[in-house]
C-alpha cells in the first residue's frame, strides 16, 4: 500500500503524514503484540489460532477497503489487520518448526523465504497497477480471496496445542513486552524527524511542547523501551524461579546459538529495510520510474533471492550453513559496492542488473539457512516463544533500518540541495542557518503534492528551473552513494555477527526439551 499513498492522500483530502501514520501504526501494532501472540500455540490449537486470526484479518481488510475516512482506515488496517498479522507471522514459523525435521525443515524454511520474496516482488507491482488502472481499494479487496484460499488449507494444520498442560497467560511479561516493543518502534519512527538525542524541531502533544533539556522525544522512548525489556528479562527470571510459566522461558533467552541467530537476523532486517527504502526512492527520483516500473526494476533482486532461497537448502550437506550465510553476506556487500561505483548520470537499469541480482542472491543464501538454524537451536516445545522473539527482533530491525538509513539518506539529500543552491547563488551561511534551511526544506517536501511542486517550478524561469533540476539530481546521487556506503558498513557488522553462529544445525536428538522448562515442571 506504500505505492498508493499519493492517491489515498488525494481521495481522503488529507496529508501524506496522515497516511504514513497508518503505515507506521500498522507496524507498531504488529511489533507490540507479536511476542505474546507468538505464545498462543502453546495453549491453544494451532489450527484454531490460525483460522481465527485469518477471519479477523479478513474483517480488517473489509473495513479498510470500504473506509470513508482516515479514522476508519486506521481501525481496519492498522489495528484489526495489524493485530491479526501479529498472530500470523510467528505462527508460520511455529507451524513449520513442529511439522518438519532436519532436511525437510530446511527446505520448508527455504520455501517460506522464497514465498516471502515473491510477495515482496508482486506486492508493489500489483499495488501500483491497481492504483494506476483501478483503485487502491482493490489492494485490500483481493486479500479476501487470499484469506479464503488459506482458510481451505488450514485443515491440514495440527489441531493439538504444543503443550499438554494448560498454562495461564503471563500478564506481567505481556505488559512489559508491549511497552518495550512499542517504545522502541515509536522512538525509531520519531528519530528521523526529531533527531536521536537533541531536538531538531519542537515536539508537541496537543498544545504542550515536550522537549526536556532540549532533547528529542526519540531518546526518551528508546530509553523506556530498553528499560522495559531489561525489566522483562528480570521478571521472567523471577517467574520461572517461582515455578510459574513465563511468557518466554529463560533458557530460550540465554541460548547462545539462538541469540546469535536472532542478532544476525535482526541486522539482516536492518540492511534489507534500508536498501528497500533508498533504492526505490532513487529509481523514482532520478530515473523517473513509476511505482509499477520500480517494482519491475527490482525483479533481478527478487528472482535471485527466490532462486537461492529455495534451491540452496540442500547445500548444507556439502557446505556448513554458517559458511553459506557468510558467503551470502559477502555477496550482499559486493553488490552494494558495485552499485556505489555505478551511481551517477550514466547509470542504467541494464548496468544495475548484475549488482542488484548479486545482492538478491546474497539475501537468498542467508534466508535459506538463518530461519531454520535459529529455530532449530531451541526445543520444539519452545518454538512458539522462540518464533515470537525472532519475529519481534525482525520487526524492530525493519523499523530501525527504515529510521536510520531513511533519515540519513533524506538528511544527506536535503543538505546537498541546500548546499547546491547556496553555491549557485554565491551565498554563505552559518551552520545554524544551514540547519534551519534543511529543516524548512524537509517540512515543505513532506507535505507538498506533485501538483504543488509543478506549480512552483512553472513560476521559475527556464534557466532556474534547469539549475534546480540539476541540483536535485546531484543531491540525489550524493545521498545514494552515502546511503550505500552506510549499508556496506552494516553488512560488515552483519559479517562480524555471523561469526558467532554455530557451525552446524543441531540434529533432532540434540534438541531435547530443556530439563528445567517451566512447562515440564508443571
Protein backbone atom coordinates (compact mmCIF):
# COMPACT_ATOMS: atom_id res chain seq x y z
CA UNK A 1 0.00 0.00 0.00
CA UNK A 2 3.01 2.32 0.18
CA UNK A 3 2.77 2.88 -3.58
CA UNK A 4 -0.82 4.12 -3.17
CA UNK A 5 -0.07 6.86 -0.61
CA UNK A 6 -0.34 9.84 -3.05
CA UNK A 7 -3.69 8.57 -4.39
CA UNK A 8 -5.06 7.98 -0.90
CA UNK A 9 -3.99 11.49 0.16
CA UNK A 10 -5.98 12.97 -2.71
CA UNK A 11 -9.06 10.78 -2.16
CA UNK A 12 -9.26 11.44 1.59
CA UNK A 13 -8.26 15.10 1.15
CA UNK A 14 -5.64 14.67 3.86
CA UNK A 15 -1.84 14.87 4.19
CA UNK A 16 0.99 12.48 3.44
CA UNK A 17 1.76 12.40 7.17
CA UNK A 18 -1.74 11.10 7.97
CA UNK A 19 -1.47 8.16 5.58
CA UNK A 20 2.10 7.42 6.56
CA UNK A 21 0.81 7.36 10.14
CA UNK A 22 -1.47 4.46 9.22
CA UNK A 23 1.52 2.57 7.79
CA UNK A 24 3.59 3.28 10.90
CA UNK A 25 0.76 2.34 13.25
CA UNK A 26 0.25 -0.97 11.41
CA UNK A 27 3.91 -1.82 12.01
CA UNK A 28 3.68 -0.59 15.59
CA UNK A 29 0.69 -2.84 16.41
CA UNK A 30 2.49 -5.86 14.98
CA UNK A 31 5.68 -5.17 16.94
CA UNK A 32 3.73 -4.61 20.17
CA UNK A 33 1.66 -7.81 20.01
CA UNK A 34 3.92 -10.25 18.20
CA UNK A 35 5.67 -11.66 21.29
CA UNK A 36 2.56 -12.51 23.36
CA UNK A 37 0.70 -13.56 20.19
CA UNK A 38 3.51 -15.97 19.36
CA UNK A 39 2.84 -17.99 22.51
CA UNK A 40 -0.80 -18.80 21.62
CA UNK A 41 0.01 -22.22 20.05
CA UNK A 42 1.39 -23.31 23.44
CA UNK A 43 -2.08 -23.01 24.95
CA UNK A 44 -4.46 -23.47 22.02
CA UNK A 45 -4.78 -25.47 18.83
CA UNK A 46 -2.56 -24.05 16.08
CA UNK A 47 -5.33 -24.72 13.57
CA UNK A 48 -7.88 -22.77 15.60
CA UNK A 49 -5.48 -19.89 16.27
CA UNK A 50 -4.68 -19.59 12.55
CA UNK A 51 -8.34 -19.78 11.48
CA UNK A 52 -9.46 -17.12 13.97
CA UNK A 53 -6.56 -14.84 13.06
CA UNK A 54 -7.37 -15.15 9.35
CA UNK A 55 -11.04 -14.33 9.93
CA UNK A 56 -10.07 -11.27 12.00
CA UNK A 57 -7.61 -10.26 9.27
CA UNK A 58 -10.36 -10.56 6.65
CA UNK A 59 -12.61 -8.35 8.77
CA UNK A 60 -9.92 -5.67 9.00
CA UNK A 61 -9.31 -5.90 5.26
CA UNK A 62 -13.01 -5.39 4.54
CA UNK A 63 -13.20 -2.36 6.84
CA UNK A 64 -10.11 -0.84 5.19
CA UNK A 65 -11.48 -1.48 1.69
CA UNK A 66 -14.72 0.40 2.39
CA UNK A 67 -13.20 3.07 4.65
CA UNK A 68 -14.59 6.54 4.03
CA UNK A 69 -12.04 8.49 6.10
CA UNK A 70 -8.66 8.01 7.71
CA UNK A 71 -10.14 7.09 11.10
CA UNK A 72 -11.92 4.07 9.63
CA UNK A 73 -8.77 3.21 7.67
CA UNK A 74 -6.75 3.26 10.91
CA UNK A 75 -9.27 0.96 12.61
CA UNK A 76 -9.45 -1.56 9.77
CA UNK A 77 -5.87 -1.59 8.54
CA UNK A 78 -3.66 -0.51 11.42
CA UNK A 79 -5.49 -2.03 14.38
CA UNK A 80 -7.55 -5.01 13.18
CA UNK A 81 -5.26 -6.23 10.38
CA UNK A 82 -2.16 -5.41 12.42
CA UNK A 83 -3.40 -7.44 15.39
CA UNK A 84 -4.15 -10.47 13.19
CA UNK A 85 -0.81 -10.18 11.40
CA UNK A 86 0.96 -10.20 14.78
CA UNK A 87 -0.53 -13.67 15.33
CA UNK A 88 0.09 -14.99 11.82
CA UNK A 89 3.76 -14.02 11.43
CA UNK A 90 5.22 -16.08 14.32
CA UNK A 91 2.61 -18.81 13.85
CA UNK A 92 4.04 -19.51 10.39
CA UNK A 93 7.49 -20.18 11.84
CA UNK A 94 6.00 -22.32 14.61
CA UNK A 95 3.95 -24.49 12.25
CA UNK A 96 6.98 -25.18 10.04
CA UNK A 97 9.20 -25.94 13.04
CA UNK A 98 6.83 -28.50 14.58
CA UNK A 99 5.80 -30.05 11.24
CA UNK A 100 9.25 -30.85 9.85
CA UNK A 101 12.63 -32.12 10.97
CA UNK A 102 16.21 -31.73 9.72
CA UNK A 103 16.45 -31.62 5.88
CA UNK A 104 12.70 -31.23 5.39
CA UNK A 105 12.66 -28.33 7.83
CA UNK A 106 15.48 -26.62 5.93
CA UNK A 107 13.52 -27.00 2.68
CA UNK A 108 10.37 -25.66 4.35
CA UNK A 109 12.11 -22.54 5.61
CA UNK A 110 13.75 -22.06 2.22
CA UNK A 111 10.34 -22.22 0.54
CA UNK A 112 8.97 -19.77 3.10
CA UNK A 113 11.78 -17.35 2.24
CA UNK A 114 11.00 -17.83 -1.46
CA UNK A 115 7.31 -17.15 -0.93
CA UNK A 116 8.21 -14.02 1.05
CA UNK A 117 10.38 -12.91 -1.86
CA UNK A 118 7.51 -13.46 -4.31
CA UNK A 119 5.21 -11.39 -2.10
CA UNK A 120 7.76 -8.61 -1.75
CA UNK A 121 8.12 -8.55 -5.54
CA UNK A 122 4.49 -8.78 -6.56
CA UNK A 123 3.16 -6.51 -3.81
CA UNK A 124 4.44 -3.19 -5.23
CA UNK A 125 3.73 -4.30 -8.81
CA UNK A 126 0.14 -5.34 -8.12
CA UNK A 127 -0.44 -2.39 -5.79
CA UNK A 128 0.97 0.04 -8.35
CA UNK A 129 -1.06 -1.47 -11.21
CA UNK A 130 -4.31 -1.48 -9.21
CA UNK A 131 -3.76 2.09 -8.03
CA UNK A 132 -2.89 3.29 -11.54
CA UNK A 133 -5.58 1.48 -13.53
CA UNK A 134 -8.38 0.87 -11.00
CA UNK A 135 -8.44 1.81 -7.29
CA UNK A 136 -6.18 1.28 -4.28
CA UNK A 137 -9.22 -0.28 -2.55
CA UNK A 138 -8.79 -3.37 -4.72
CA UNK A 139 -5.45 -3.91 -2.98
CA UNK A 140 -7.42 -4.69 0.17
CA UNK A 141 -10.35 -6.43 -1.53
CA UNK A 142 -8.17 -9.00 -3.31
CA UNK A 143 -6.69 -10.01 0.04
CA UNK A 144 -10.07 -11.52 0.89
CA UNK A 145 -9.53 -14.04 -1.91
CA UNK A 146 -6.14 -14.91 -0.44
CA UNK A 147 -7.64 -15.38 3.02
CA UNK A 148 -10.31 -17.70 1.59
CA UNK A 149 -7.67 -19.89 -0.09
CA UNK A 150 -5.55 -20.07 3.07
CA UNK A 151 -8.57 -20.99 5.20
CA UNK A 152 -9.11 -24.03 2.96
CA UNK A 153 -5.58 -25.27 3.73
CA UNK A 154 -5.84 -24.60 7.47
CA UNK A 155 -7.48 -28.02 7.82
CA UNK A 156 -4.02 -29.58 7.35
CA UNK A 157 -2.52 -27.72 10.33
CA UNK A 158 -2.24 -29.67 13.58
CA UNK A 159 -5.27 -29.36 15.84
CA UNK A 160 -3.29 -30.03 19.04
CA UNK A 161 -1.67 -27.38 21.27
CA UNK A 162 2.09 -27.78 21.67
CA UNK A 163 1.82 -28.12 25.45
CA UNK A 164 -0.30 -30.83 27.06
CA UNK A 165 -0.53 -28.75 30.24
CA UNK A 166 -2.69 -25.66 30.05
CA UNK A 167 -0.98 -22.54 31.38
CA UNK A 168 -2.27 -19.05 32.01
CA UNK A 169 -1.02 -16.02 30.11
CA UNK A 170 1.93 -14.25 31.70
CA UNK A 171 0.22 -10.86 32.09
CA UNK A 172 3.20 -9.07 33.60
CA UNK A 173 5.54 -10.25 30.87
CA UNK A 174 2.95 -9.36 28.24
CA UNK A 175 2.63 -5.79 29.52
CA UNK A 176 6.39 -5.31 29.72
CA UNK A 177 6.96 -6.73 26.21
CA UNK A 178 4.24 -4.49 24.73
CA UNK A 179 5.66 -1.40 26.46
CA UNK A 180 9.20 -2.29 25.37
CA UNK A 181 8.40 -3.02 21.72
CA UNK A 182 6.04 -0.06 21.37
CA UNK A 183 8.51 2.38 22.92
CA UNK A 184 11.42 1.20 20.76
CA UNK A 185 9.47 1.35 17.50
CA UNK A 186 8.00 4.78 18.33
CA UNK A 187 11.48 6.01 19.22
CA UNK A 188 12.85 4.83 15.89
CA UNK A 189 9.94 6.37 13.98
CA UNK A 190 10.39 9.74 15.71
CA UNK A 191 14.17 9.81 15.36
CA UNK A 192 14.10 10.69 11.67
CA UNK A 193 12.04 13.84 12.15
CA UNK A 194 13.04 14.98 15.63
CA UNK A 195 16.62 13.70 15.91
CA UNK A 196 18.20 10.97 18.01
CA UNK A 197 19.47 12.99 21.01
CA UNK A 198 18.99 16.75 20.64
CA UNK A 199 15.70 18.02 19.21
CA UNK A 200 15.86 19.11 15.57
CA UNK A 201 12.40 20.69 15.87
CA UNK A 202 9.84 21.12 18.69
CA UNK A 203 7.71 18.12 19.66
CA UNK A 204 4.12 18.88 20.66
CA UNK A 205 1.48 16.77 22.37
CA UNK A 206 -1.63 18.83 21.81
CA UNK A 207 -0.57 22.37 22.62
CA UNK A 208 2.16 21.33 25.04
CA UNK A 209 5.77 21.25 23.85
CA UNK A 210 7.75 18.32 25.25
CA UNK A 211 11.48 18.76 24.73
CA UNK A 212 13.01 18.47 28.22
CA UNK A 213 16.55 19.85 28.31
CA UNK A 214 16.31 20.39 24.56
CA UNK A 215 16.26 16.63 23.89
CA UNK A 216 14.44 14.74 21.17
CA UNK A 217 11.43 12.61 22.20
CA UNK A 218 13.11 9.69 20.43
CA UNK A 219 15.79 9.27 23.09
CA UNK A 220 13.15 9.08 25.84
CA UNK A 221 11.07 6.47 24.03
CA UNK A 222 14.18 4.43 23.27
CA UNK A 223 15.26 4.65 26.91
CA UNK A 224 11.86 3.49 28.14
CA UNK A 225 11.91 0.62 25.63
CA UNK A 226 15.33 -0.62 26.73
CA UNK A 227 14.40 -0.35 30.41
CA UNK A 228 11.14 -2.23 29.78
CA UNK A 229 12.96 -5.11 28.08
CA UNK A 230 15.56 -5.22 30.86
CA UNK A 231 12.71 -5.41 33.39
CA UNK A 232 11.07 -8.07 31.21
CA UNK A 233 14.12 -10.35 31.44
CA UNK A 234 14.32 -9.92 35.21
CA UNK A 235 10.59 -10.52 35.61
CA UNK A 236 10.71 -13.69 33.51
CA UNK A 237 13.66 -14.97 35.56
CA UNK A 238 11.77 -14.43 38.84
CA UNK A 239 8.61 -16.03 37.44
CA UNK A 240 10.45 -19.13 36.29
CA UNK A 241 12.27 -19.49 39.62
CA UNK A 242 8.88 -19.36 41.33
CA UNK A 243 7.77 -22.39 39.28
CA UNK A 244 5.32 -20.43 37.14
CA UNK A 245 5.01 -20.23 33.36
CA UNK A 246 6.78 -17.19 31.87
CA UNK A 247 5.96 -15.62 28.52
CA UNK A 248 9.39 -16.69 27.25
CA UNK A 249 11.32 -19.46 29.08
CA UNK A 250 14.63 -18.21 30.42
CA UNK A 251 16.66 -20.90 28.65
CA UNK A 252 15.39 -19.54 25.30
CA UNK A 253 16.68 -16.07 26.18
CA UNK A 254 20.06 -17.48 27.28
CA UNK A 255 20.51 -19.94 24.41
CA UNK A 256 23.68 -18.66 22.69
CA UNK A 257 23.04 -20.35 19.35
CA UNK A 258 19.50 -18.98 19.26
CA UNK A 259 20.56 -15.47 20.29
CA UNK A 260 23.34 -15.36 17.70
CA UNK A 261 20.76 -16.28 15.07
CA UNK A 262 18.36 -13.60 16.35
CA UNK A 263 21.07 -10.91 16.24
CA UNK A 264 22.13 -11.94 12.73
CA UNK A 265 18.50 -12.00 11.61
CA UNK A 266 17.96 -8.56 13.15
CA UNK A 267 20.94 -6.92 11.43
CA UNK A 268 19.92 -8.51 8.13
CA UNK A 269 16.47 -6.93 8.61
CA UNK A 270 18.09 -3.53 9.21
CA UNK A 271 20.08 -3.79 5.97
CA UNK A 272 17.08 -5.04 3.97
CA UNK A 273 14.81 -2.28 5.27
CA UNK A 274 17.40 0.37 4.47
CA UNK A 275 18.00 -0.93 0.95
CA UNK A 276 14.28 -1.24 0.18
CA UNK A 277 13.81 2.36 1.35
CA UNK A 278 16.61 4.14 -0.53
CA UNK A 279 16.72 2.14 -3.78
CA UNK A 280 13.08 2.67 -4.87
CA UNK A 281 13.29 6.37 -3.92
CA UNK A 282 16.45 6.67 -6.02
CA UNK A 283 14.85 4.93 -9.01
CA UNK A 284 11.79 7.19 -8.91
CA UNK A 285 13.54 10.47 -8.07
CA UNK A 286 16.47 10.20 -10.51
CA UNK A 287 15.34 7.83 -13.26
CA UNK A 288 11.71 8.97 -13.15
CA UNK A 289 10.24 5.48 -12.65
CA UNK A 290 6.65 4.98 -11.55
CA UNK A 291 5.79 2.70 -8.63
CA UNK A 292 4.86 -0.04 -11.10
CA UNK A 293 8.12 0.34 -13.05
CA UNK A 294 10.11 0.39 -9.80
CA UNK A 295 8.64 -2.98 -8.88
CA UNK A 296 9.71 -4.34 -12.26
CA UNK A 297 13.22 -2.87 -11.82
CA UNK A 298 13.57 -4.82 -8.57
CA UNK A 299 12.80 -8.14 -10.32
CA UNK A 300 16.52 -9.16 -10.63
CA UNK A 301 16.85 -8.83 -6.85
CA UNK A 302 13.62 -10.73 -6.22
CA UNK A 303 14.25 -13.52 -8.72
CA UNK A 304 17.80 -14.10 -7.46
CA UNK A 305 16.71 -14.12 -3.82
CA UNK A 306 13.84 -16.53 -4.56
CA UNK A 307 16.04 -18.93 -6.54
CA UNK A 308 18.86 -19.00 -3.98
CA UNK A 309 16.43 -19.27 -1.05
CA UNK A 310 14.62 -22.28 -2.50
CA UNK A 311 17.39 -24.12 -4.37
CA UNK A 312 20.26 -23.93 -1.87
CA UNK A 313 18.65 -25.50 1.20
CA UNK A 314 20.29 -28.86 0.39
CA UNK A 315 23.76 -27.36 0.05
CA UNK A 316 24.34 -27.77 3.77
CA UNK A 317 25.16 -31.41 3.02
CA UNK A 318 28.37 -30.22 1.38
CA UNK A 319 28.98 -26.81 2.97
CA UNK A 320 28.20 -25.73 6.53
CA UNK A 321 25.13 -23.45 6.89
CA UNK A 322 27.31 -20.87 8.64
CA UNK A 323 29.62 -20.70 5.62
CA UNK A 324 26.66 -20.36 3.25
CA UNK A 325 25.33 -17.46 5.33
CA UNK A 326 28.71 -15.74 5.31
CA UNK A 327 29.07 -16.21 1.55
CA UNK A 328 25.63 -14.60 1.20
CA UNK A 329 26.73 -11.66 3.35
CA UNK A 330 29.80 -11.15 1.15
CA UNK A 331 27.59 -11.24 -1.96
CA UNK A 332 25.37 -8.54 -0.44
CA UNK A 333 28.38 -6.36 0.32
CA UNK A 334 29.92 -6.78 -3.15
CA UNK A 335 26.57 -5.98 -4.79
CA UNK A 336 26.26 -2.77 -2.76
CA UNK A 337 29.86 -1.73 -3.56
CA UNK A 338 29.21 -2.25 -7.29
CA UNK A 339 26.06 -0.16 -7.07
CA UNK A 340 28.06 2.57 -5.31
CA UNK A 341 30.63 2.63 -8.11
CA UNK A 342 27.89 2.85 -10.76
CA UNK A 343 25.92 5.65 -9.14
CA UNK A 344 25.96 8.63 -11.46
CA UNK A 345 24.35 10.20 -14.54
CA UNK A 346 25.30 7.29 -16.83
CA UNK A 347 23.65 4.61 -14.70
CA UNK A 348 21.06 2.41 -16.42
CA UNK A 349 18.85 -0.49 -15.39
CA UNK A 350 20.91 -2.84 -17.56
CA UNK A 351 24.11 -1.87 -15.74
CA UNK A 352 22.39 -2.23 -12.37
CA UNK A 353 21.11 -5.73 -13.14
CA UNK A 354 24.26 -7.70 -12.10
CA UNK A 355 24.87 -5.96 -8.73
CA UNK A 356 21.16 -5.97 -7.86
CA UNK A 357 20.94 -9.68 -8.71
CA UNK A 358 24.15 -10.38 -6.72
CA UNK A 359 22.68 -8.57 -3.72
CA UNK A 360 19.49 -10.63 -4.08
CA UNK A 361 21.47 -13.87 -4.34
CA UNK A 362 23.20 -12.98 -1.07
CA UNK A 363 19.88 -12.36 0.65
CA UNK A 364 18.59 -15.70 -0.67
CA UNK A 365 21.61 -17.58 0.67
CA UNK A 366 21.12 -16.04 4.10
CA UNK A 367 17.37 -16.53 4.48
CA UNK A 368 17.61 -20.10 3.17
CA UNK A 369 19.59 -21.04 6.27
CA UNK A 370 19.13 -18.49 9.06
CA UNK A 371 15.47 -19.18 9.91
CA UNK A 372 16.00 -22.93 10.14
CA UNK A 373 19.31 -22.52 12.01
CA UNK A 374 17.80 -20.16 14.58
CA UNK A 375 14.56 -22.06 15.22
CA UNK A 376 16.36 -25.43 15.33
CA UNK A 377 18.53 -24.17 18.21
CA UNK A 378 15.65 -24.49 20.69
CA UNK A 379 13.47 -27.46 21.70
CA UNK A 380 10.40 -27.94 19.52
CA UNK A 381 8.14 -27.38 22.54
CA UNK A 382 9.55 -23.86 22.89
CA UNK A 383 9.14 -22.95 19.19
CA UNK A 384 6.13 -20.60 19.74
CA UNK A 385 8.08 -18.45 22.21
CA UNK A 386 11.24 -18.61 20.10
CA UNK A 387 9.26 -17.64 17.00
CA UNK A 388 7.83 -14.65 18.83
CA UNK A 389 11.31 -13.48 19.88
CA UNK A 390 12.67 -13.93 16.34
CA UNK A 391 9.78 -12.04 14.75
CA UNK A 392 9.81 -9.16 17.21
CA UNK A 393 13.54 -8.83 16.57
CA UNK A 394 12.85 -8.67 12.83
CA UNK A 395 10.07 -6.08 13.29
CA UNK A 396 12.31 -3.86 15.40
CA UNK A 397 15.11 -4.36 12.86
CA UNK A 398 12.94 -3.19 9.98
CA UNK A 399 11.82 -0.15 11.97
CA UNK A 400 15.42 0.66 12.91
CA UNK A 401 16.65 0.20 9.34
CA UNK A 402 13.99 2.46 7.90
CA UNK A 403 14.64 5.10 10.57
CA UNK A 404 18.45 5.08 10.44
CA UNK A 405 19.04 4.61 6.71
CA UNK A 406 15.98 6.64 5.73
CA UNK A 407 16.77 9.66 7.88
CA UNK A 408 20.46 9.53 6.88
CA UNK A 409 19.56 9.32 3.18
CA UNK A 410 16.98 12.12 3.26
CA UNK A 411 19.13 14.31 5.51
CA UNK A 412 22.06 13.96 3.12
CA UNK A 413 19.80 14.75 0.16
CA UNK A 414 18.22 17.88 1.69
CA UNK A 415 21.62 19.07 2.90
CA UNK A 416 23.12 18.66 -0.58
CA UNK A 417 20.21 20.58 -2.12
CA UNK A 418 20.71 23.49 0.26
CA UNK A 419 24.47 23.48 -0.36
CA UNK A 420 23.92 23.40 -4.12
CA UNK A 421 21.52 26.34 -4.06
CA UNK A 422 23.85 28.37 -1.84
CA UNK A 423 26.80 27.71 -4.17
CA UNK A 424 24.73 28.68 -7.22
CA UNK A 425 23.72 31.93 -5.52
CA UNK A 426 27.26 32.53 -4.22
CA UNK A 427 25.85 32.79 -0.70
CA UNK A 428 27.38 31.63 2.57
CA UNK A 429 25.50 31.00 5.81
CA UNK A 430 26.36 29.84 9.30
CA UNK A 431 25.96 26.23 10.40
CA UNK A 432 22.82 27.08 12.36
CA UNK A 433 21.25 28.85 9.39
CA UNK A 434 22.09 25.92 7.11
CA UNK A 435 20.34 23.56 9.54
CA UNK A 436 17.27 25.81 9.57
CA UNK A 437 17.16 25.77 5.76
CA UNK A 438 17.43 21.99 5.68
CA UNK A 439 14.58 21.59 8.20
CA UNK A 440 12.44 24.05 6.26
CA UNK A 441 13.05 22.07 3.06
CA UNK A 442 12.20 18.80 4.81
CA UNK A 443 8.93 20.23 6.12
CA UNK A 444 7.99 21.61 2.69
CA UNK A 445 8.83 18.37 0.87
CA UNK A 446 6.86 16.27 3.36
CA UNK A 447 3.55 17.98 2.69
CA UNK A 448 3.90 19.25 -0.87
CA UNK A 449 2.00 17.37 -3.56
CA UNK A 450 3.32 16.79 -7.07
CA UNK A 451 0.86 19.39 -8.37
CA UNK A 452 2.19 21.96 -5.88
CA UNK A 453 5.75 21.21 -6.95
CA UNK A 454 4.89 21.63 -10.63
CA UNK A 455 3.11 24.90 -9.88
CA UNK A 456 6.22 26.15 -8.08
CA UNK A 457 8.53 25.13 -10.92
CA UNK A 458 6.33 26.85 -13.52
CA UNK A 459 6.88 30.14 -11.71
CA UNK A 460 10.64 29.91 -12.34
CA UNK A 461 12.50 30.94 -15.45
CA UNK A 462 13.70 28.08 -17.71
CA UNK A 463 17.30 28.69 -16.61
CA UNK A 464 16.49 28.49 -12.90
CA UNK A 465 14.24 25.50 -13.46
CA UNK A 466 17.10 23.68 -15.20
CA UNK A 467 19.54 24.73 -12.48
CA UNK A 468 17.24 23.45 -9.74
CA UNK A 469 16.72 20.15 -11.56
CA UNK A 470 20.49 19.72 -11.81
CA UNK A 471 20.95 20.46 -8.11
CA UNK A 472 18.26 17.93 -7.17
CA UNK A 473 19.84 15.26 -9.36
CA UNK A 474 23.35 15.84 -7.98
CA UNK A 475 22.00 15.81 -4.42
CA UNK A 476 20.25 12.50 -5.02
CA UNK A 477 23.42 10.94 -6.42
CA UNK A 478 25.33 12.16 -3.35
CA UNK A 479 22.68 10.82 -0.96
CA UNK A 480 22.55 7.46 -2.73
CA UNK A 481 26.33 7.00 -2.54
CA UNK A 482 26.39 7.92 1.15
CA UNK A 483 23.50 5.58 1.95
CA UNK A 484 25.12 2.69 0.06
CA UNK A 485 28.36 3.19 2.00
CA UNK A 486 26.42 3.11 5.27
CA UNK A 487 24.73 -0.12 4.14
CA UNK A 488 28.15 -1.61 3.35
CA UNK A 489 29.29 -0.80 6.90
CA UNK A 490 26.19 -2.52 8.28
CA UNK A 491 26.92 -5.56 6.08
CA UNK A 492 30.40 -5.70 7.64
CA UNK A 493 28.73 -5.63 11.07
CA UNK A 494 26.46 -8.44 9.88
CA UNK A 495 29.54 -10.45 8.87
CA UNK A 496 31.02 -9.97 12.36
CA UNK A 497 27.74 -11.07 13.99
CA UNK A 498 27.65 -14.20 11.80
CA UNK A 499 30.95 -15.41 13.29
CA UNK A 500 29.05 -16.27 16.50
CA UNK A 501 26.66 -18.62 14.67
CA UNK A 502 27.10 -22.36 15.31
CA UNK A 503 28.98 -24.27 12.62
CA UNK A 504 26.19 -26.81 12.11
CA UNK A 505 22.44 -27.03 12.76
CA UNK A 506 21.78 -29.42 15.68
CA UNK A 507 20.07 -32.67 14.76
CA UNK A 508 16.73 -33.70 16.25
CA UNK A 509 18.24 -35.78 19.05
CA UNK A 510 20.31 -32.81 20.19
CA UNK A 511 17.21 -30.62 20.64
CA UNK A 512 15.58 -32.44 23.52
CA UNK A 513 13.40 -30.38 25.80
CA UNK A 514 15.30 -28.44 28.41
CA UNK A 515 15.07 -30.23 31.78
CA UNK A 516 14.21 -27.00 33.56
CA UNK A 517 11.47 -25.91 31.18
CA UNK A 518 8.62 -24.29 33.08
CA UNK A 519 6.07 -26.32 31.15
CA UNK A 520 7.86 -29.58 32.03
CA UNK A 521 7.86 -28.67 35.72
CA UNK A 522 4.14 -28.12 35.60
